Amino acid sequence: MRLSVRAFAMCRTFASVCLLTALGAQAQQGYPNRPVRIINPLAPGGTTDITARTLAPQLSTLLGQPVVVENRTGAGGVVGAEYVAKSAPDGYTLLLMSGDSYNTNAALYPKLPFDARKDLQPVALLAASPNMLSVHPSLPVKSVKELVALSKTRPKELNYGVGGTAGLIRMEMLKLDTGLMITNVPYKGSGPALVDLMAGHIHAGFFNSVATIPYVLSGRLRGLMISGMKRSERLPNVPTGRELGLSGFDENAAYMIMVPSATPPDVIARLNKELVRALQTPELKSRFAAEGAEIIGSSHEEAVARQNREIEEWAALIKRTGIRLN
């Protein structure tokens, strides 16, 4: 039987579709079969970077493929998040970001180059760690109350650094609640801001405890207040915001792995499984504990629920502070 040219073309197209479908299914079943990248969207040396590089070796062992960390920084994490949001939804390009940074960006920026609520979704919450208000030890204060009092005797002289929107919002809340008179010095990331704080170029900063605890313990910084519902076991003399009667400081920063929303459910399930397993290895448990972080290892559903809740909570705090960004 002879086929017409049109019938032959239709058969060839159908065969091509079948082949591509089979190859796609085979690739998905074999996930991962090539290296996986973790994108760090914030400055090198900051808590996100530390977390990514701590996680990568253990995740690589469990996935059976190399896991590399790549920095794509800018705009408070927006550049890296956009890159992952627009990447192929195949599980090979991951975003590691704190909920503080991602969810404040979603609530704060009126226009983003991607839809923060729809284009990315969290795979798992990894760990949570407090944020801490610290000052350079040359500043003659040992409490938030003393810092506020000093600022009123030196108006427009004291300054603080933050590396992201969450730290900015918390410091502005502190100013509203206490009358603290201090000026913001913006940085591209918490790493550079922390370096300047230790060098005495700025007076104070509000950073994640993973990055700051070692310097407080060594005397290079002085901790005044920590977020969360309880004091840090490593810094038992630093009070919580709640103990000081301050609102908006009860939540700790949770770090999460995110992927494009169109990523297949079975790929998300595999990633979640191995991430949770990695967090239970002795190496990661001891490393996070030493850094003052609490391991979470949530399900995919729990991570999505927390993200949605935090975006709404940050929106309310932003409205209270009156912060506006274009």
C-alpha atoms as a PDB file:
ATOM      1  CA  MET A   1       0.000   0.000   0.000  1.00  0.00           C
ATOM      2  CA  ARG A   2       1.385   3.411  -0.943  1.00  0.00           C
ATOM      3  CA  LEU A   3       0.979   6.382   1.362  1.00  0.00           C
ATOM      4  CA  SER A   4       0.287   9.863   0.125  1.00  0.00           C
ATOM      5  CA  VAL A   5       2.793  12.584   0.930  1.00  0.00           C
ATOM      6  CA  ARG A   6       0.346  14.088   3.450  1.00  0.00           C
ATOM      7  CA  ALA A   7      -0.292  10.756   5.162  1.00  0.00           C
ATOM      8  CA  PHE A   8       3.434  10.054   5.361  1.00  0.00           C
ATOM      9  CA  ALA A   9       4.061  13.454   6.943  1.00  0.00           C
ATOM     10  CA  MET A  10       1.305  12.861   9.493  1.00  0.00           C
ATOM     11  CA  CYS A  11       2.787   9.483  10.412  1.00  0.00           C
ATOM     12  CA  ARG A  12       6.245  10.965  10.779  1.00  0.00           C
ATOM     13  CA  THR A  13       4.928  13.769  13.031  1.00  0.00           C
ATOM     14  CA  PHE A  14       3.041  11.276  15.173  1.00  0.00           C
ATOM     15  CA  ALA A  15       6.145   9.115  15.507  1.00  0.00           C
ATOM     16  CA  SER A  16       8.217  12.147  16.529  1.00  0.00           C
ATOM     17  CA  VAL A  17       5.714  13.120  19.210  1.00  0.00           C
ATOM     18  CA  CYS A  18       5.706   9.574  20.559  1.00  0.00           C
ATOM     19  CA  LEU A  19       9.501   9.505  20.630  1.00  0.00           C
ATOM     20  CA  LEU A  20       9.760  12.843  22.454  1.00  0.00           C
ATOM     21  CA  THR A  21       7.123  11.756  24.953  1.00  0.00           C
ATOM     22  CA  ALA A  22       8.969   8.514  25.618  1.00  0.00           C
ATOM     23  CA  LEU A  23      12.291  10.293  26.002  1.00  0.00           C
ATOM     24  CA  GLY A  24      10.724  12.843  28.368  1.00  0.00           C
ATOM     25  CA  ALA A  25       9.194  10.123  30.485  1.00  0.00           C
ATOM     26  CA  GLN A  26      12.474   8.223  30.540  1.00  0.00           C
ATOM     27  CA  ALA A  27      14.403  11.352  31.575  1.00  0.00           C
ATOM     28  CA  GLN A  28      11.867  12.121  34.282  1.00  0.00           C
ATOM     29  CA  GLN A  29      12.027   8.566  35.605  1.00  0.00           C
ATOM     30  CA  GLY A  30      15.815   8.795  35.712  1.00  0.00           C
ATOM     31  CA  TYR A  31      15.943  12.097  37.591  1.00  0.00           C
ATOM     32  CA  PRO A  32      18.563  13.245  38.187  1.00  0.00           C
ATOM     33  CA  ASN A  33      20.877  12.117  35.407  1.00  0.00           C
ATOM     34  CA  ARG A  34      23.110  15.203  35.280  1.00  0.00           C
ATOM     35  CA  PRO A  35      24.447  17.875  37.676  1.00  0.00           C
ATOM     36  CA  VAL A  36      22.028  19.964  39.726  1.00  0.00           C
ATOM     37  CA  ARG A  37      22.590  23.656  40.437  1.00  0.00           C
ATOM     38  CA  ILE A  38      21.614  25.544  43.590  1.00  0.00           C
ATOM     39  CA  ILE A  39      21.286  29.252  42.861  1.00  0.00           C
ATOM     40  CA  ASN A  40      22.217  31.581  45.710  1.00  0.00           C
ATOM     41  CA  PRO A  41      20.543  34.921  44.921  1.00  0.00           C
ATOM     42  CA  LEU A  42      22.162  36.860  47.763  1.00  0.00           C
ATOM     43  CA  ALA A  43      25.690  38.064  48.401  1.00  0.00           C
ATOM     44  CA  PRO A  44      28.546  35.563  48.881  1.00  0.00           C
ATOM     45  CA  GLY A  45      29.471  35.064  52.518  1.00  0.00           C
ATOM     46  CA  GLY A  46      25.943  35.628  53.779  1.00  0.00           C
ATOM     47  CA  THR A  47      23.725  33.081  55.508  1.00  0.00           C
ATOM     48  CA  THR A  48      22.085  31.856  52.296  1.00  0.00           C
ATOM     49  CA  ASP A  49      25.476  31.222  50.729  1.00  0.00           C
ATOM     50  CA  ILE A  50      26.686  29.397  53.857  1.00  0.00           C
ATOM     51  CA  THR A  51      23.530  27.257  53.929  1.00  0.00           C
ATOM     52  CA  ALA A  52      23.780  26.356  50.245  1.00  0.00           C
ATOM     53  CA  ARG A  53      27.419  25.292  50.489  1.00  0.00           C
ATOM     54  CA  THR A  54      26.725  23.309  53.652  1.00  0.00           C
ATOM     55  CA  LEU A  55      23.842  21.448  52.006  1.00  0.00           C
ATOM     56  CA  ALA A  56      25.318  20.783  48.552  1.00  0.00           C
ATOM     57  CA  PRO A  57      27.779  17.930  49.381  1.00  0.00           C
ATOM     58  CA  GLN A  58      25.186  15.904  51.315  1.00  0.00           C
ATOM     59  CA  LEU A  59      22.498  16.405  48.678  1.00  0.00           C
ATOM     60  CA  SER A  60      24.979  15.394  45.977  1.00  0.00           C
ATOM     61  CA  THR A  61      25.653  12.089  47.736  1.00  0.00           C
ATOM     62  CA  LEU A  62      21.944  11.298  48.047  1.00  0.00           C
ATOM     63  CA  LEU A  63      21.040  12.298  44.477  1.00  0.00           C
ATOM     64  CA  GLY A  64      24.063  10.549  42.976  1.00  0.00           C
ATOM     65  CA  GLN A  65      24.939  13.626  40.919  1.00  0.00           C
ATOM     66  CA  PRO A  66      27.142  16.688  41.450  1.00  0.00           C
ATOM     67  CA  VAL A  67      25.343  19.576  43.163  1.00  0.00           C
ATOM     68  CA  VAL A  68      27.020  22.915  42.560  1.00  0.00           C
ATOM     69  CA  VAL A  69      26.314  26.312  44.087  1.00  0.00           C
ATOM     70  CA  GLU A  70      26.121  29.282  41.750  1.00  0.00           C
ATOM     71  CA  ASN A  71      25.804  32.914  42.863  1.00  0.00           C
ATOM     72  CA  ARG A  72      23.425  35.128  40.869  1.00  0.00           C
ATOM     73  CA  THR A  73      23.010  38.198  42.993  1.00  0.00           C
ATOM     74  CA  GLY A  74      21.291  41.548  42.724  1.00  0.00           C
ATOM     75  CA  ALA A  75      18.196  43.514  43.728  1.00  0.00           C
ATOM     76  CA  GLY A  76      17.835  41.838  47.104  1.00  0.00           C
ATOM     77  CA  GLY A  77      17.571  38.359  45.602  1.00  0.00           C
ATOM     78  CA  VAL A  78      15.230  39.286  42.751  1.00  0.00           C
ATOM     79  CA  VAL A  79      17.829  38.629  40.013  1.00  0.00           C
ATOM     80  CA  GLY A  80      18.522  35.064  41.130  1.00  0.00           C
ATOM     81  CA  ALA A  81      14.873  34.305  41.825  1.00  0.00           C
ATOM     82  CA  GLU A  82      13.893  35.523  38.354  1.00  0.00           C
ATOM     83  CA  TYR A  83      16.596  33.357  36.793  1.00  0.00           C
ATOM     84  CA  VAL A  84      15.224  30.221  38.462  1.00  0.00           C
ATOM     85  CA  ALA A  85      11.598  31.194  37.788  1.00  0.00           C
ATOM     86  CA  LYS A  86      12.381  31.364  34.064  1.00  0.00           C
ATOM     87  CA  SER A  87      14.533  28.208  34.010  1.00  0.00           C
ATOM     88  CA  ALA A  88      13.347  24.862  32.653  1.00  0.00           C
ATOM     89  CA  PRO A  89      10.999  23.239  35.207  1.00  0.00           C
ATOM     90  CA  ASP A  90      12.994  20.010  35.350  1.00  0.00           C
ATOM     91  CA  GLY A  91      14.514  19.980  38.845  1.00  0.00           C
ATOM     92  CA  TYR A  92      18.041  20.823  37.727  1.00  0.00           C
ATOM     93  CA  THR A  93      17.987  24.506  38.712  1.00  0.00           C
ATOM     94  CA  LEU A  94      17.069  25.150  42.358  1.00  0.00           C
ATOM     95  CA  LEU A  95      16.755  28.369  44.339  1.00  0.00           C
ATOM     96  CA  LEU A  96      17.903  28.480  47.946  1.00  0.00           C
ATOM     97  CA  MET A  97      16.523  31.531  49.668  1.00  0.00           C
ATOM     98  CA  SER A  98      15.294  32.610  53.063  1.00  0.00           C
ATOM     99  CA  GLY A  99      11.565  33.045  53.426  1.00  0.00           C
ATOM    100  CA  ASP A 100      12.336  36.451  54.937  1.00  0.00           C
ATOM    101  CA  SER A 101      13.926  37.687  51.720  1.00  0.00           C
ATOM    102  CA  TYR A 102      11.624  36.000  49.211  1.00  0.00           C
ATOM    103  CA  ASN A 103       8.351  36.704  50.993  1.00  0.00           C
ATOM    104  CA  THR A 104       9.198  40.320  51.800  1.00  0.00           C
ATOM    105  CA  ASN A 105      10.084  40.900  48.141  1.00  0.00           C
ATOM    106  CA  ALA A 106       6.736  39.393  47.143  1.00  0.00           C
ATOM    107  CA  ALA A 107       4.921  41.707  49.541  1.00  0.00           C
ATOM    108  CA  LEU A 108       7.075  44.812  49.089  1.00  0.00           C
ATOM    109  CA  TYR A 109       7.797  45.283  45.406  1.00  0.00           C
ATOM    110  CA  PRO A 110       4.781  46.459  43.366  1.00  0.00           C
ATOM    111  CA  LYS A 111       6.351  45.115  40.187  1.00  0.00           C
ATOM    112  CA  LEU A 112       8.631  42.082  39.895  1.00  0.00           C
ATOM    113  CA  PRO A 113       9.944  40.513  36.658  1.00  0.00           C
ATOM    114  CA  PHE A 114       8.103  37.316  37.648  1.00  0.00           C
ATOM    115  CA  ASP A 115       5.043  36.381  39.693  1.00  0.00           C
ATOM    116  CA  ALA A 116       6.398  35.577  43.153  1.00  0.00           C
ATOM    117  CA  ARG A 117       3.193  33.778  44.147  1.00  0.00           C
ATOM    118  CA  LYS A 118       2.779  31.698  40.994  1.00  0.00           C
ATOM    119  CA  ASP A 119       6.075  31.195  39.144  1.00  0.00           C
ATOM    120  CA  LEU A 120       8.046  29.516  41.948  1.00  0.00           C
ATOM    121  CA  GLN A 121       7.052  27.079  44.672  1.00  0.00           C
ATOM    122  CA  PRO A 122       8.961  25.786  47.707  1.00  0.00           C
ATOM    123  CA  VAL A 123      10.045  22.150  47.779  1.00  0.00           C
ATOM    124  CA  ALA A 124      10.941  22.048  51.480  1.00  0.00           C
ATOM    125  CA  LEU A 125      11.786  24.238  54.429  1.00  0.00           C
ATOM    126  CA  LEU A 126      15.339  23.355  55.455  1.00  0.00           C
ATOM    127  CA  ALA A 127      16.037  25.094  58.755  1.00  0.00           C
ATOM    128  CA  ALA A 128      15.148  28.218  60.674  1.00  0.00           C
ATOM    129  CA  SER A 129      17.496  30.548  62.495  1.00  0.00           C
ATOM    130  CA  PRO A 130      17.016  33.748  64.486  1.00  0.00           C
ATOM    131  CA  ASN A 131      17.949  37.220  63.369  1.00  0.00           C
ATOM    132  CA  MET A 132      20.016  39.341  65.716  1.00  0.00           C
ATOM    133  CA  LEU A 133      20.531  43.029  66.326  1.00  0.00           C
ATOM    134  CA  SER A 134      24.254  43.529  66.824  1.00  0.00           C
ATOM    135  CA  VAL A 135      26.507  46.529  67.361  1.00  0.00           C
ATOM    136  CA  HIS A 136      30.212  47.163  67.037  1.00  0.00           C
ATOM    137  CA  PRO A 137      31.825  46.610  70.468  1.00  0.00           C
ATOM    138  CA  SER A 138      33.222  50.157  70.464  1.00  0.00           C
ATOM    139  CA  LEU A 139      29.675  51.498  70.792  1.00  0.00           C
ATOM    140  CA  PRO A 140      29.068  52.143  74.529  1.00  0.00           C
ATOM    141  CA  VAL A 141      25.794  50.212  74.771  1.00  0.00           C
ATOM    142  CA  LYS A 142      24.893  46.778  76.116  1.00  0.00           C
ATOM    143  CA  SER A 143      21.129  46.748  75.546  1.00  0.00           C
ATOM    144  CA  VAL A 144      18.468  47.985  73.150  1.00  0.00           C
ATOM    145  CA  LYS A 145      17.379  50.505  75.779  1.00  0.00           C
ATOM    146  CA  GLU A 146      20.889  51.932  75.980  1.00  0.00           C
ATOM    147  CA  LEU A 147      21.148  52.043  72.172  1.00  0.00           C
ATOM    148  CA  VAL A 148      17.920  54.042  71.976  1.00  0.00           C
ATOM    149  CA  ALA A 149      19.125  56.433  74.670  1.00  0.00           C
ATOM    150  CA  LEU A 150      22.474  56.938  72.935  1.00  0.00           C
ATOM    151  CA  SER A 151      20.807  57.583  69.587  1.00  0.00           C
ATOM    152  CA  LYS A 152      18.803  60.434  71.104  1.00  0.00           C
ATOM    153  CA  THR A 153      21.985  62.117  72.326  1.00  0.00           C
ATOM    154  CA  ARG A 154      23.613  61.684  68.906  1.00  0.00           C
ATOM    155  CA  PRO A 155      20.739  62.343  66.459  1.00  0.00           C
ATOM    156  CA  LYS A 156      21.489  61.663  62.794  1.00  0.00           C
ATOM    157  CA  GLU A 157      24.912  60.282  63.724  1.00  0.00           C
ATOM    158  CA  LEU A 158      24.290  56.549  64.246  1.00  0.00           C
ATOM    159  CA  ASN A 159      23.718  54.245  61.291  1.00  0.00           C
ATOM    160  CA  TYR A 160      22.941  50.607  60.607  1.00  0.00           C
ATOM    161  CA  GLY A 161      23.425  48.223  57.708  1.00  0.00           C
ATOM    162  CA  VAL A 162      21.153  45.562  56.274  1.00  0.00           C
ATOM    163  CA  GLY A 163      21.569  43.264  53.312  1.00  0.00           C
ATOM    164  CA  GLY A 164      17.928  42.654  52.492  1.00  0.00           C
ATOM    165  CA  THR A 165      14.378  43.903  52.791  1.00  0.00           C
ATOM    166  CA  ALA A 166      13.535  41.816  55.878  1.00  0.00           C
ATOM    167  CA  GLY A 167      16.273  43.426  57.949  1.00  0.00           C
ATOM    168  CA  LEU A 168      15.210  46.858  56.751  1.00  0.00           C
ATOM    169  CA  ILE A 169      11.588  46.246  57.761  1.00  0.00           C
ATOM    170  CA  ARG A 170      12.542  44.908  61.194  1.00  0.00           C
ATOM    171  CA  MET A 171      14.803  47.871  61.911  1.00  0.00           C
ATOM    172  CA  GLU A 172      12.112  50.315  60.825  1.00  0.00           C
ATOM    173  CA  MET A 173       9.668  48.543  63.152  1.00  0.00           C
ATOM    174  CA  LEU A 174      12.198  48.861  65.972  1.00  0.00           C
ATOM    175  CA  LYS A 175      12.470  52.592  65.292  1.00  0.00           C
ATOM    176  CA  LEU A 176       8.693  52.969  65.396  1.00  0.00           C
ATOM    177  CA  ASP A 177       8.322  51.052  68.657  1.00  0.00           C
ATOM    178  CA  THR A 178      11.278  52.493  70.591  1.00  0.00           C
ATOM    179  CA  GLY A 179      12.006  55.917  69.142  1.00  0.00           C
ATOM    180  CA  LEU A 180      15.444  54.735  68.009  1.00  0.00           C
ATOM    181  CA  MET A 181      17.138  57.405  65.884  1.00  0.00           C
ATOM    182  CA  ILE A 182      19.367  55.629  63.392  1.00  0.00           C
ATOM    183  CA  THR A 183      19.944  55.880  59.633  1.00  0.00           C
ATOM    184  CA  ASN A 184      19.899  53.017  57.127  1.00  0.00           C
ATOM    185  CA  VAL A 185      22.975  52.355  54.994  1.00  0.00           C
ATOM    186  CA  PRO A 186      21.885  49.977  52.185  1.00  0.00           C
ATOM    187  CA  TYR A 187      24.130  47.117  51.076  1.00  0.00           C
ATOM    188  CA  LYS A 188      23.878  44.600  48.256  1.00  0.00           C
ATOM    189  CA  GLY A 189      23.984  41.725  50.731  1.00  0.00           C
ATOM    190  CA  SER A 190      24.423  40.857  54.381  1.00  0.00           C
ATOM    191  CA  GLY A 191      28.005  39.656  53.819  1.00  0.00           C
ATOM    192  CA  PRO A 192      29.439  43.081  52.866  1.00  0.00           C
ATOM    193  CA  ALA A 193      27.338  44.820  55.540  1.00  0.00           C
ATOM    194  CA  LEU A 194      28.606  42.426  58.197  1.00  0.00           C
ATOM    195  CA  VAL A 195      32.203  43.052  57.167  1.00  0.00           C
ATOM    196  CA  ASP A 196      31.693  46.806  57.485  1.00  0.00           C
ATOM    197  CA  LEU A 197      30.038  46.390  60.898  1.00  0.00           C
ATOM    198  CA  MET A 198      32.985  44.403  62.232  1.00  0.00           C
ATOM    199  CA  ALA A 199      35.346  47.017  60.812  1.00  0.00           C
ATOM    200  CA  GLY A 200      33.456  49.770  62.623  1.00  0.00           C
ATOM    201  CA  HIS A 201      32.342  51.556  59.431  1.00  0.00           C
ATOM    202  CA  ILE A 202      28.715  51.275  60.591  1.00  0.00           C
ATOM    203  CA  HIS A 203      27.388  51.131  64.131  1.00  0.00           C
ATOM    204  CA  ALA A 204      24.713  48.415  64.069  1.00  0.00           C
ATOM    205  CA  GLY A 205      23.138  45.726  61.922  1.00  0.00           C
ATOM    206  CA  PHE A 206      20.305  43.243  61.906  1.00  0.00           C
ATOM    207  CA  PHE A 207      21.555  39.958  60.437  1.00  0.00           C
ATOM    208  CA  ASN A 208      20.858  36.269  60.634  1.00  0.00           C
ATOM    209  CA  SER A 209      22.438  34.568  63.633  1.00  0.00           C
ATOM    210  CA  VAL A 210      24.107  31.899  61.483  1.00  0.00           C
ATOM    211  CA  ALA A 211      26.432  34.607  60.197  1.00  0.00           C
ATOM    212  CA  THR A 212      26.726  36.670  63.389  1.00  0.00           C
ATOM    213  CA  ILE A 213      26.936  34.231  66.329  1.00  0.00           C
ATOM    214  CA  PRO A 214      30.615  33.322  65.741  1.00  0.00           C
ATOM    215  CA  TYR A 215      31.558  37.005  65.790  1.00  0.00           C
ATOM    216  CA  VAL A 216      29.525  37.730  68.922  1.00  0.00           C
ATOM    217  CA  LEU A 217      31.184  34.783  70.676  1.00  0.00           C
ATOM    218  CA  SER A 218      34.627  36.013  69.627  1.00  0.00           C
ATOM    219  CA  GLY A 219      33.925  39.546  70.826  1.00  0.00           C
ATOM    220  CA  ARG A 220      34.030  41.179  67.405  1.00  0.00           C
ATOM    221  CA  LEU A 221      30.334  42.066  67.723  1.00  0.00           C
ATOM    222  CA  ARG A 222      27.941  42.592  70.634  1.00  0.00           C
ATOM    223  CA  GLY A 223      24.456  41.069  70.430  1.00  0.00           C
ATOM    224  CA  LEU A 224      21.578  43.160  71.835  1.00  0.00           C
ATOM    225  CA  MET A 225      18.442  41.316  70.780  1.00  0.00           C
ATOM    226  CA  ILE A 226      17.457  38.126  68.988  1.00  0.00           C
ATOM    227  CA  SER A 227      14.270  37.124  67.185  1.00  0.00           C
ATOM    228  CA  GLY A 228      12.208  34.022  67.891  1.00  0.00           C
ATOM    229  CA  MET A 229      10.219  32.673  70.803  1.00  0.00           C
ATOM    230  CA  LYS A 230      13.229  31.656  72.886  1.00  0.00           C
ATOM    231  CA  ARG A 231      16.807  32.672  73.500  1.00  0.00           C
ATOM    232  CA  SER A 232      19.637  31.030  71.620  1.00  0.00           C
ATOM    233  CA  GLU A 233      21.397  28.252  73.526  1.00  0.00           C
ATOM    234  CA  ARG A 234      24.687  29.617  72.246  1.00  0.00           C
ATOM    235  CA  LEU A 235      23.902  33.171  73.373  1.00  0.00           C
ATOM    236  CA  PRO A 236      21.759  32.757  76.484  1.00  0.00           C
ATOM    237  CA  ASN A 237      22.380  36.334  77.648  1.00  0.00           C
ATOM    238  CA  VAL A 238      20.860  37.941  74.542  1.00  0.00           C
ATOM    239  CA  PRO A 239      17.112  38.606  75.113  1.00  0.00           C
ATOM    240  CA  THR A 240      14.374  38.052  72.566  1.00  0.00           C
ATOM    241  CA  GLY A 241      12.323  40.875  71.108  1.00  0.00           C
ATOM    242  CA  ARG A 242       9.273  39.496  72.888  1.00  0.00           C
ATOM    243  CA  GLU A 243      11.060  39.711  76.252  1.00  0.00           C
ATOM    244  CA  LEU A 244      11.716  43.380  75.524  1.00  0.00           C
ATOM    245  CA  GLY A 245       8.042  43.975  74.764  1.00  0.00           C
ATOM    246  CA  LEU A 246       8.581  44.378  71.015  1.00  0.00           C
ATOM    247  CA  SER A 247       6.171  43.010  68.390  1.00  0.00           C
ATOM    248  CA  GLY A 248       7.002  41.508  65.013  1.00  0.00           C
ATOM    249  CA  PHE A 249      10.146  39.652  66.121  1.00  0.00           C
ATOM    250  CA  ASP A 250       8.659  36.244  67.022  1.00  0.00           C
ATOM    251  CA  GLU A 251       9.307  34.513  63.677  1.00  0.00           C
ATOM    252  CA  ASN A 252      12.689  33.095  62.718  1.00  0.00           C
ATOM    253  CA  ALA A 253      13.990  33.107  59.163  1.00  0.00           C
ATOM    254  CA  ALA A 254      13.281  29.795  57.423  1.00  0.00           C
ATOM    255  CA  TYR A 255      15.492  28.729  54.517  1.00  0.00           C
ATOM    256  CA  MET A 256      13.857  26.895  51.653  1.00  0.00           C
ATOM    257  CA  ILE A 257      14.592  25.243  48.337  1.00  0.00           C
ATOM    258  CA  MET A 258      12.371  26.477  45.517  1.00  0.00           C
ATOM    259  CA  VAL A 259      11.741  25.358  41.927  1.00  0.00           C
ATOM    260  CA  PRO A 260       9.687  26.635  38.976  1.00  0.00           C
ATOM    261  CA  SER A 261       6.016  25.904  39.613  1.00  0.00           C
ATOM    262  CA  ALA A 262       5.661  23.710  36.513  1.00  0.00           C
ATOM    263  CA  THR A 263       8.220  21.208  37.859  1.00  0.00           C
ATOM    264  CA  PRO A 264       6.706  17.665  37.738  1.00  0.00           C
ATOM    265  CA  PRO A 265       5.282  16.462  41.065  1.00  0.00           C
ATOM    266  CA  ASP A 266       7.448  13.334  41.083  1.00  0.00           C
ATOM    267  CA  VAL A 267      10.610  15.448  40.716  1.00  0.00           C
ATOM    268  CA  ILE A 268       9.472  17.663  43.601  1.00  0.00           C
ATOM    269  CA  ALA A 269       8.741  14.545  45.661  1.00  0.00           C
ATOM    270  CA  ARG A 270      12.222  13.119  44.987  1.00  0.00           C
ATOM    271  CA  LEU A 271      13.885  16.414  45.862  1.00  0.00           C
ATOM    272  CA  ASN A 272      11.855  16.751  49.046  1.00  0.00           C
ATOM    273  CA  LYS A 273      12.717  13.207  50.088  1.00  0.00           C
ATOM    274  CA  GLU A 274      16.461  13.691  49.616  1.00  0.00           C
ATOM    275  CA  LEU A 275      16.513  17.137  51.193  1.00  0.00           C
ATOM    276  CA  VAL A 276      14.833  15.804  54.323  1.00  0.00           C
ATOM    277  CA  ARG A 277      17.276  12.876  54.389  1.00  0.00           C
ATOM    278  CA  ALA A 278      20.248  15.228  53.966  1.00  0.00           C
ATOM    279  CA  LEU A 279      19.098  17.307  56.925  1.00  0.00           C
ATOM    280  CA  GLN A 280      19.155  14.211  59.139  1.00  0.00           C
ATOM    281  CA  THR A 281      22.769  13.314  58.396  1.00  0.00           C
ATOM    282  CA  PRO A 282      25.129  13.770  61.366  1.00  0.00           C
ATOM    283  CA  GLU A 283      27.226  16.240  59.364  1.00  0.00           C
ATOM    284  CA  LEU A 284      24.354  18.639  58.702  1.00  0.00           C
ATOM    285  CA  LYS A 285      22.729  18.217  62.108  1.00  0.00           C
ATOM    286  CA  SER A 286      25.940  19.139  63.897  1.00  0.00           C
ATOM    287  CA  ARG A 287      26.738  21.962  61.462  1.00  0.00           C
ATOM    288  CA  PHE A 288      23.327  23.628  61.790  1.00  0.00           C
ATOM    289  CA  ALA A 289      23.324  23.173  65.563  1.00  0.00           C
ATOM    290  CA  ALA A 290      26.745  24.822  65.798  1.00  0.00           C
ATOM    291  CA  GLU A 291      25.414  27.766  63.815  1.00  0.00           C
ATOM    292  CA  GLY A 292      22.349  28.185  66.028  1.00  0.00           C
ATOM    293  CA  ALA A 293      19.886  26.959  63.406  1.00  0.00           C
ATOM    294  CA  GLU A 294      16.968  24.602  64.008  1.00  0.00           C
ATOM    295  CA  ILE A 295      16.375  21.910  61.380  1.00  0.00           C
ATOM    296  CA  ILE A 296      12.843  21.748  59.967  1.00  0.00           C
ATOM    297  CA  GLY A 297      12.814  19.325  57.008  1.00  0.00           C
ATOM    298  CA  SER A 298       9.183  20.036  56.113  1.00  0.00           C
ATOM    299  CA  SER A 299       6.911  18.450  53.561  1.00  0.00           C
ATOM    300  CA  HIS A 300       6.231  20.244  50.284  1.00  0.00           C
ATOM    301  CA  GLU A 301       2.706  21.097  51.451  1.00  0.00           C
ATOM    302  CA  GLU A 302       3.905  22.554  54.762  1.00  0.00           C
ATOM    303  CA  ALA A 303       6.424  24.728  52.934  1.00  0.00           C
ATOM    304  CA  VAL A 304       3.774  26.104  50.572  1.00  0.00           C
ATOM    305  CA  ALA A 305       1.430  26.870  53.484  1.00  0.00           C
ATOM    306  CA  ARG A 306       4.124  28.758  55.404  1.00  0.00           C
ATOM    307  CA  GLN A 307       5.124  30.749  52.359  1.00  0.00           C
ATOM    308  CA  ASN A 308       1.550  31.904  51.721  1.00  0.00           C
ATOM    309  CA  ARG A 309       1.088  32.857  55.378  1.00  0.00           C
ATOM    310  CA  GLU A 310       4.358  34.790  55.590  1.00  0.00           C
ATOM    311  CA  ILE A 311       3.663  36.835  52.454  1.00  0.00           C
ATOM    312  CA  GLU A 312       0.452  38.095  54.053  1.00  0.00           C
ATOM    313  CA  GLU A 313       2.164  38.763  57.410  1.00  0.00           C
ATOM    314  CA  TRP A 314       5.003  40.713  55.798  1.00  0.00           C
ATOM    315  CA  ALA A 315       2.496  42.743  53.776  1.00  0.00           C
ATOM    316  CA  ALA A 316       0.840  43.820  57.038  1.00  0.00           C
ATOM    317  CA  LEU A 317       4.201  44.794  58.600  1.00  0.00           C
ATOM    318  CA  ILE A 318       5.224  46.727  55.486  1.00  0.00           C
ATOM    319  CA  LYS A 319       1.948  48.650  55.588  1.00  0.00           C
ATOM    320  CA  ARG A 320       2.635  49.518  59.227  1.00  0.00           C
ATOM    321  CA  THR A 321       6.129  50.871  58.550  1.00  0.00           C
ATOM    322  CA  GLY A 322       5.071  52.780  55.460  1.00  0.00           C
ATOM    323  CA  ILE A 323       8.046  51.536  53.436  1.00  0.00           C
ATOM    324  CA  ARG A 324       7.628  52.039  49.696  1.00  0.00           C
ATOM    325  CA  LEU A 325       9.854  50.795  46.866  1.00  0.00           C
ATOM    326  CA  ASN A 326       9.496  51.374  43.147  1.00  0.00           C
END
